[in-house]
Amino acid sequence: MTPVLRHAPSRGKFWIVPGVVSGALCLGLWGFAGSVVPEAAAQSSGGAVIRPAPGNSTGFRPLFRLFGFGEEKRPARTRTRPPQTASRPRAANVAPAFQAKPKDPDAGVILVAGDEMAKGVAEGLRFTLADKSMVRVDTLIHDKTGLAGPDAPDWEAEIIGRVQGEDVKAVVLMMGRSDLAVPFAGEPPVEFATSEWEAAYSAKVSGIVSSIRQERKQLVWVGLPPTGSPLTNTDFILLNSLFQGGAEQNRGKYVDVWDIFLTETGEYDSFGPDVDGKRARLRDADKVGFTWDGYRKVAFFVERELSRLLGGYGGMAFEGVEDDPNFIVLTGRTTAPEDELLGGGEGSGPAAYEGVAVDTARRFFIDGETRKGPAGRADSNVWTAPDGT
């Protein structure tokens, strides 16, 4: 009897009519015998032995497959996605990678001298001046030292040695954070923030500035920034007053960065707008130093002052233009040395016109009054009689 598979409508599965199992076993045995007997007969008759291909042996495997036995389950393939490398934001203290333009052999030198804060300003200037082939930035750095104390370097001698030995066009100085509570040598020692201490410190500042100016080099002294400590702020304000007085007394430039790093309400904040106007972390974790973005911002204001002093960086052709009030450089000085603009003087201010005070522009543009040119000039519309009347 042939096995019949029928569908069970209630469960949606196949079931087997009785007698199917015995019939299936018979079919399996018959297939197994069929695979063995011909091989034995072929061997007895001397014919070639015919063997099944590897992996294709018959027997009970078709029967087991019929009932779902003996099937090898292949592991499910899982598709793995390649790891996505998300672009990490640049750390606040890490300078961005940049390629500086090759410097000309005759490039002028901007010498940055001072402590670790001056080192950060120098890095910011290198980034700012990366595309200027006629100027390069060199440094004279002594970390964690200033002007006070027995271990203070001889800044004046070291700076002048570099100025005379290199083609230095300007000197940028920033120091002082390590001078807090440091006395000057003496018997007894001159204590910090006393009047004697201020006099000694001011003399050192003035000595450095005057020596640089005697070499006819431009000088920019960068002031100290506000900090997160009110006591430190009081000391920094004292030092800044000495820096500013010594610089301006010898016709140097003082760059005040105090208000630049305060909020609109005059409070300290580690964050603020960078040179691109984006909010960034500008101050270091100690609330005294700067991050890279902070030093870049300080360098922005320093470079702006250097450009004014040097008249640009095209071969440093106009260095020292501020020392000559009669020398006007379009790329440097923004105002003429004259105290009075053209067209100034008499008649340029408010004047009485039919009893009403009006200015010259109103009389000329609105009322249509003709302005009289200087006598004897081509645009003068004043007719002079031969007799001079």
Protein backbone atom coordinates (compact mmCIF):
# COMPACT_ATOMS: atom_id res chain seq x y z
CA MET A 1 0.00 0.00 0.00
CA THR A 2 1.43 3.33 -0.98
CA PRO A 3 1.77 5.82 1.90
CA VAL A 4 -0.48 8.78 1.56
CA LEU A 5 0.30 12.19 3.03
CA ARG A 6 -2.69 14.15 3.98
CA HIS A 7 -3.10 17.63 5.28
CA ALA A 8 -4.57 18.21 8.68
CA PRO A 9 -6.77 21.26 8.25
CA SER A 10 -7.00 21.99 11.98
CA ARG A 11 -3.27 22.38 12.61
CA GLY A 12 -1.83 23.13 9.17
CA LYS A 13 0.56 20.14 9.37
CA PHE A 14 1.05 16.89 7.47
CA TRP A 15 0.23 13.55 9.10
CA ILE A 16 0.91 10.01 7.88
CA VAL A 17 -1.62 7.30 7.23
CA PRO A 18 -0.99 4.17 9.32
CA GLY A 19 1.45 1.81 7.68
CA VAL A 20 3.61 4.59 6.37
CA VAL A 21 6.47 3.93 8.74
CA SER A 22 6.74 0.26 7.83
CA GLY A 23 6.54 1.09 4.12
CA ALA A 24 9.21 3.68 4.41
CA LEU A 25 11.53 1.31 6.23
CA CYS A 26 11.07 -1.23 3.47
CA LEU A 27 11.94 1.32 0.83
CA GLY A 28 15.07 2.26 2.73
CA LEU A 29 16.18 -1.35 3.05
CA TRP A 30 15.51 -1.90 -0.62
CA GLY A 31 17.63 1.09 -1.55
CA PHE A 32 20.47 -0.08 0.68
CA ALA A 33 20.43 -3.54 -0.84
CA GLY A 34 20.39 -2.08 -4.29
CA SER A 35 23.54 -0.21 -3.56
CA VAL A 36 25.42 -3.27 -2.23
CA VAL A 37 24.37 -6.15 -4.47
CA PRO A 38 25.44 -4.65 -7.80
CA GLU A 39 28.89 -3.89 -6.38
CA ALA A 40 29.32 -7.54 -5.23
CA ALA A 41 28.12 -8.85 -8.52
CA ALA A 42 30.51 -6.62 -10.39
CA GLN A 43 33.41 -7.87 -8.28
CA SER A 44 32.48 -11.56 -8.85
CA SER A 45 32.22 -11.11 -12.56
CA GLY A 46 35.62 -9.51 -12.80
CA GLY A 47 34.25 -6.20 -13.97
CA ALA A 48 35.40 -2.82 -12.75
CA VAL A 49 34.21 -1.75 -9.34
CA ILE A 50 31.81 1.16 -9.52
CA ARG A 51 31.85 3.22 -6.31
CA PRO A 52 29.60 6.09 -5.51
CA ALA A 53 31.08 9.52 -5.60
CA PRO A 54 32.40 10.79 -2.28
CA GLY A 55 29.65 12.30 -0.20
CA ASN A 56 26.87 10.81 -2.37
CA SER A 57 26.43 7.46 -0.58
CA THR A 58 22.96 6.08 -0.50
CA GLY A 59 21.37 4.10 2.27
CA PHE A 60 19.12 5.34 5.05
CA ARG A 61 20.07 9.02 4.59
CA PRO A 62 17.15 9.77 2.21
CA LEU A 63 14.82 8.12 4.70
CA PHE A 64 16.20 10.19 7.58
CA ARG A 65 15.91 13.33 5.52
CA LEU A 66 12.29 12.51 4.91
CA PHE A 67 11.62 12.80 8.64
CA GLY A 68 14.06 15.66 9.19
CA PHE A 69 16.84 13.64 10.85
CA GLY A 70 20.54 13.85 10.11
CA GLU A 71 20.46 17.31 8.50
CA GLU A 72 23.43 19.50 9.34
CA LYS A 73 22.39 22.96 10.48
CA ARG A 74 24.58 25.67 9.05
CA PRO A 75 25.27 28.59 11.33
CA ALA A 76 23.43 31.74 10.40
CA ARG A 77 25.62 34.33 8.73
CA THR A 78 25.80 37.61 10.51
CA ARG A 79 26.75 40.62 8.43
CA THR A 80 29.26 42.75 10.27
CA ARG A 81 29.46 46.42 9.43
CA PRO A 82 32.85 48.04 9.15
CA PRO A 83 33.66 50.19 12.16
CA GLN A 84 32.70 53.80 11.64
CA THR A 85 35.45 56.23 12.53
CA ALA A 86 33.69 59.28 13.87
CA SER A 87 35.64 62.50 13.53
CA ARG A 88 36.69 63.53 16.99
CA PRO A 89 36.78 67.21 17.81
CA ARG A 90 40.22 68.69 18.23
CA ALA A 91 41.33 68.93 21.85
CA ALA A 92 41.40 72.43 23.24
CA ASN A 93 45.13 72.29 24.02
CA VAL A 94 46.20 70.79 20.70
CA ALA A 95 47.19 73.06 17.83
CA PRO A 96 45.63 72.21 14.46
CA ALA A 97 47.87 70.73 11.83
CA PHE A 98 49.00 73.32 9.30
CA GLN A 99 51.63 73.67 6.62
CA ALA A 100 53.68 76.84 6.90
CA LYS A 101 54.84 78.56 3.76
CA PRO A 102 58.60 78.25 3.20
CA LYS A 103 60.35 81.24 4.70
CA ASP A 104 62.59 83.49 2.68
CA PRO A 105 66.28 83.42 3.68
CA ASP A 106 66.05 87.16 4.31
CA ALA A 107 62.84 86.89 6.34
CA GLY A 108 62.58 89.21 9.30
CA VAL A 109 62.38 87.77 12.80
CA ILE A 110 59.70 88.31 15.41
CA LEU A 111 61.40 87.36 18.69
CA VAL A 112 58.99 86.21 21.40
CA ALA A 113 60.57 86.22 24.88
CA GLY A 114 59.19 85.26 28.27
CA ASP A 115 57.82 82.31 30.22
CA GLU A 116 55.52 79.44 29.24
CA MET A 117 52.74 81.88 28.37
CA ALA A 118 55.04 83.56 25.86
CA LYS A 119 55.66 80.13 24.33
CA GLY A 120 51.92 79.75 23.71
CA VAL A 121 51.74 83.19 22.11
CA ALA A 122 54.66 82.26 19.84
CA GLU A 123 52.81 79.16 18.64
CA GLY A 124 49.76 81.26 17.91
CA LEU A 125 51.86 83.74 15.94
CA ARG A 126 53.45 80.94 13.91
CA PHE A 127 49.98 79.78 12.95
CA THR A 128 48.85 83.33 12.14
CA LEU A 129 51.94 84.12 10.05
CA ALA A 130 52.17 80.71 8.37
CA ASP A 131 51.48 82.17 4.92
CA LYS A 132 53.92 85.07 5.29
CA SER A 133 57.22 84.14 3.67
CA MET A 134 59.01 87.31 4.74
CA VAL A 135 58.59 86.88 8.49
CA ARG A 136 59.29 84.06 10.91
CA VAL A 137 58.86 83.63 14.67
CA ASP A 138 61.74 82.75 17.02
CA THR A 139 61.57 82.32 20.77
CA LEU A 140 63.57 83.00 23.92
CA ILE A 141 61.74 81.06 26.61
CA HIS A 142 62.48 80.39 30.29
CA ASP A 143 59.65 78.36 31.78
CA LYS A 144 58.36 79.26 35.25
CA THR A 145 60.64 82.26 35.62
CA GLY A 146 60.11 86.00 35.49
CA LEU A 147 61.90 89.16 36.55
CA ALA A 148 61.97 88.68 40.32
CA GLY A 149 63.92 86.28 42.47
CA PRO A 150 67.56 85.16 42.56
CA ASP A 151 67.06 82.65 39.75
CA ALA A 152 65.65 85.17 37.27
CA PRO A 153 67.62 85.20 34.00
CA ASP A 154 69.31 88.29 32.67
CA TRP A 155 66.56 89.03 30.20
CA GLU A 156 68.06 92.29 29.03
CA ALA A 157 71.42 90.75 28.07
CA GLU A 158 69.90 87.67 26.43
CA ILE A 159 67.39 89.65 24.38
CA ILE A 160 69.95 92.18 23.17
CA GLY A 161 72.29 89.33 22.24
CA ARG A 162 69.57 87.85 20.03
CA VAL A 163 68.63 91.23 18.56
CA GLN A 164 72.20 92.00 17.57
CA GLY A 165 72.88 88.52 16.26
CA GLU A 166 69.74 88.05 14.16
CA ASP A 167 67.62 90.11 11.82
CA VAL A 168 65.07 90.85 14.54
CA LYS A 169 62.39 93.33 13.54
CA ALA A 170 60.29 93.30 16.71
CA VAL A 171 60.30 91.79 20.18
CA VAL A 172 57.19 90.44 21.89
CA LEU A 173 57.34 89.90 25.66
CA MET A 174 54.98 88.13 28.05
CA MET A 175 55.91 87.05 31.57
CA GLY A 176 55.07 87.65 35.22
CA ARG A 177 52.87 84.80 36.38
CA SER A 178 55.83 83.26 38.24
CA ASP A 179 56.72 86.52 40.00
CA LEU A 180 53.88 86.43 42.53
CA ALA A 181 55.13 86.41 46.13
CA VAL A 182 58.76 86.24 44.91
CA PRO A 183 61.01 88.74 46.78
CA PHE A 184 64.04 90.57 45.49
CA ALA A 185 67.39 89.87 47.07
CA GLY A 186 68.42 92.21 49.84
CA GLU A 187 69.09 92.54 53.57
CA PRO A 188 66.35 92.03 54.47
CA PRO A 189 64.78 90.69 51.25
CA VAL A 190 62.45 93.05 49.42
CA GLU A 191 59.03 91.51 49.90
CA PHE A 192 56.46 91.19 47.15
CA ALA A 193 54.05 94.08 46.44
CA THR A 194 55.82 96.55 48.70
CA SER A 195 56.75 99.96 47.34
CA GLU A 196 60.41 98.93 47.21
CA TRP A 197 59.49 95.77 45.34
CA GLU A 198 57.42 97.73 42.80
CA ALA A 199 60.32 100.14 42.23
CA ALA A 200 62.78 97.29 41.64
CA TYR A 201 60.41 95.45 39.34
CA SER A 202 59.57 98.59 37.36
CA ALA A 203 63.29 99.31 36.92
CA LYS A 204 63.79 95.86 35.37
CA VAL A 205 60.87 96.36 32.98
CA SER A 206 62.11 99.78 31.92
CA GLY A 207 65.65 98.47 31.46
CA ILE A 208 64.49 95.75 29.05
CA VAL A 209 62.26 98.08 27.06
CA SER A 210 64.78 100.90 26.78
CA SER A 211 67.53 98.52 25.66
CA ILE A 212 65.35 97.15 22.87
CA ARG A 213 64.28 100.61 21.77
CA GLN A 214 67.88 101.80 21.71
CA GLU A 215 68.45 99.10 19.10
CA ARG A 216 65.63 100.75 17.12
CA LYS A 217 63.47 97.64 17.32
CA GLN A 218 59.75 97.58 17.84
CA LEU A 219 58.46 96.18 21.11
CA VAL A 220 55.12 94.74 22.16
CA TRP A 221 54.52 93.81 25.80
CA VAL A 222 51.51 91.55 26.39
CA GLY A 223 49.69 92.00 29.67
CA LEU A 224 48.56 89.21 31.96
CA PRO A 225 44.96 87.96 31.70
CA PRO A 226 42.26 87.76 34.38
CA THR A 227 42.12 84.54 36.35
CA GLY A 228 39.64 82.58 38.41
CA SER A 229 41.21 83.82 41.68
CA PRO A 230 40.39 87.33 42.97
CA LEU A 231 43.68 87.46 44.90
CA THR A 232 45.70 86.54 41.81
CA ASN A 233 43.78 89.13 39.83
CA THR A 234 44.87 91.83 42.28
CA ASP A 235 48.52 90.84 41.83
CA PHE A 236 48.19 90.63 38.04
CA ILE A 237 46.65 94.10 37.88
CA LEU A 238 49.67 95.43 39.78
CA LEU A 239 52.10 93.77 37.36
CA ASN A 240 50.15 94.95 34.32
CA SER A 241 50.40 98.54 35.50
CA LEU A 242 54.19 98.17 35.69
CA PHE A 243 54.36 96.52 32.26
CA GLN A 244 52.23 99.21 30.66
CA GLY A 245 54.12 102.07 32.31
CA GLY A 246 57.52 100.71 31.30
CA ALA A 247 56.47 100.02 27.72
CA GLU A 248 54.71 103.29 27.00
CA GLN A 249 57.40 105.34 28.72
CA ASN A 250 59.88 104.15 26.11
CA ARG A 251 57.50 104.30 23.13
CA GLY A 252 56.75 100.60 23.18
CA LYS A 253 53.31 99.08 22.77
CA TYR A 254 51.31 97.45 25.51
CA VAL A 255 48.61 94.95 24.51
CA ASP A 256 45.88 94.78 27.13
CA VAL A 257 44.06 91.43 27.03
CA TRP A 258 42.20 91.80 30.33
CA ASP A 259 38.73 92.71 29.10
CA ILE A 260 39.03 90.38 26.12
CA PHE A 261 38.75 87.34 28.39
CA LEU A 262 35.91 88.55 30.59
CA THR A 263 32.19 88.12 30.10
CA GLU A 264 29.89 91.01 29.30
CA THR A 265 29.23 91.37 33.02
CA GLY A 266 32.97 91.51 33.79
CA GLU A 267 33.28 88.01 35.23
CA TYR A 268 35.82 85.28 34.57
CA ASP A 269 34.79 82.48 32.23
CA SER A 270 36.91 79.66 30.84
CA PHE A 271 34.84 79.75 27.65
CA GLY A 272 34.28 82.51 25.16
CA PRO A 273 34.38 83.40 21.47
CA ASP A 274 37.52 82.40 19.60
CA VAL A 275 39.00 84.35 16.69
CA ASP A 276 36.30 82.93 14.41
CA GLY A 277 33.50 83.97 16.75
CA LYS A 278 32.70 80.41 17.85
CA ARG A 279 32.32 79.55 21.50
CA ALA A 280 35.34 77.57 22.66
CA ARG A 281 37.34 76.79 25.76
CA LEU A 282 39.97 79.53 26.02
CA ARG A 283 41.48 79.03 29.46
CA ASP A 284 43.44 76.17 30.93
CA ALA A 285 42.28 74.01 33.85
CA ASP A 286 44.32 76.11 36.32
CA LYS A 287 42.26 79.19 35.27
CA VAL A 288 45.48 81.11 34.65
CA GLY A 289 46.98 79.84 31.41
CA PHE A 290 45.34 79.44 28.02
CA THR A 291 44.29 76.64 25.77
CA TRP A 292 45.41 76.64 22.15
CA ASP A 293 42.32 78.63 21.15
CA GLY A 294 43.08 81.10 23.92
CA TYR A 295 46.69 81.60 22.83
CA ARG A 296 45.50 81.91 19.25
CA LYS A 297 43.24 84.74 20.37
CA VAL A 298 46.06 86.53 22.21
CA ALA A 299 48.26 86.12 19.13
CA PHE A 300 45.53 87.67 17.00
CA PHE A 301 45.72 90.95 18.93
CA VAL A 302 49.51 90.84 19.08
CA GLU A 303 49.80 90.31 15.33
CA ARG A 304 47.42 93.18 14.70
CA GLU A 305 49.71 95.50 16.66
CA LEU A 306 52.80 94.14 14.92
CA SER A 307 51.25 94.82 11.53
CA ARG A 308 50.66 98.42 12.52
CA LEU A 309 54.18 98.86 13.81
CA LEU A 310 55.92 97.21 10.87
CA GLY A 311 53.58 98.38 8.15
CA GLY A 312 52.96 94.87 6.90
CA TYR A 313 55.36 92.00 6.19
CA GLY A 314 56.31 92.65 2.57
CA GLY A 315 60.04 92.41 3.11
CA MET A 316 59.69 94.53 6.25
CA ALA A 317 60.15 97.55 4.00
CA PHE A 318 58.37 99.89 6.36
CA GLU A 319 59.74 98.88 9.74
CA GLY A 320 59.71 101.56 12.36
CA VAL A 321 57.30 103.83 10.54
CA GLU A 322 55.77 105.07 13.78
CA ASP A 323 59.13 106.58 14.71
CA ASP A 324 58.82 108.95 11.75
CA PRO A 325 55.64 111.08 11.94
CA ASN A 326 56.16 112.33 8.38
CA PHE A 327 56.22 108.86 6.83
CA ILE A 328 52.80 107.68 5.68
CA VAL A 329 52.37 104.02 4.76
CA LEU A 330 49.05 102.93 3.31
CA THR A 331 49.47 99.34 4.50
CA GLY A 332 50.46 100.33 7.99
CA ARG A 333 49.42 103.68 9.40
CA THR A 334 45.69 104.27 9.21
CA THR A 335 45.77 108.01 9.85
CA ALA A 336 47.85 110.85 8.46
CA PRO A 337 50.26 112.64 10.82
CA GLU A 338 48.43 115.96 10.31
CA ASP A 339 46.22 117.05 13.17
CA GLU A 340 43.59 118.48 10.82
CA LEU A 341 41.80 116.78 7.94
CA LEU A 342 41.48 118.38 4.53
CA GLY A 343 38.56 120.76 4.41
CA GLY A 344 38.80 121.49 8.12
CA GLY A 345 39.30 124.82 9.72
CA GLU A 346 37.07 127.85 9.27
CA GLY A 347 33.70 127.29 7.75
CA SER A 348 33.69 123.54 8.30
CA GLY A 349 31.68 123.57 11.51
CA PRO A 350 28.14 124.79 12.26
CA ALA A 351 27.45 128.21 10.85
CA ALA A 352 24.58 130.72 10.96
CA TYR A 353 22.50 130.71 7.80
CA GLU A 354 19.49 133.03 7.75
CA GLY A 355 19.42 132.99 11.53
CA VAL A 356 19.50 129.16 11.72
CA ALA A 357 22.61 127.21 12.72
CA VAL A 358 23.29 124.64 10.03
CA ASP A 359 26.41 122.78 8.98
CA THR A 360 28.31 123.06 5.75
CA ALA A 361 26.99 119.79 4.35
CA ARG A 362 23.38 120.97 4.65
CA ARG A 363 24.15 124.26 2.90
CA PHE A 364 26.00 122.45 0.12
CA PHE A 365 23.84 119.36 -0.53
CA ILE A 366 20.37 120.51 0.50
CA ASP A 367 20.32 124.24 -0.05
CA GLY A 368 22.55 124.05 -3.12
CA GLU A 369 24.97 126.70 -1.98
CA THR A 370 28.11 126.88 -4.10
CA ARG A 371 31.29 126.44 -2.18
CA LYS A 372 34.12 128.80 -3.00
CA GLY A 373 37.42 127.15 -3.92
CA PRO A 374 40.72 128.55 -2.76
CA ALA A 375 41.72 131.67 -4.63
CA GLY A 376 44.02 131.01 -7.56
CA ARG A 377 43.12 127.30 -7.85
CA ALA A 378 41.68 125.88 -11.08
CA ASP A 379 38.27 125.19 -9.53
CA SER A 380 37.96 128.68 -8.03
CA ASN A 381 34.83 130.42 -9.31
CA VAL A 382 35.79 133.77 -7.83
CA TRP A 383 36.51 136.35 -10.51
CA THR A 384 39.26 138.79 -9.65
CA ALA A 385 39.46 142.07 -11.45
CA PRO A 386 42.72 143.10 -13.06
CA ASP A 387 43.13 145.76 -10.41
CA GLY A 388 42.84 143.08 -7.70
CA THR A 389 39.34 144.03 -6.55
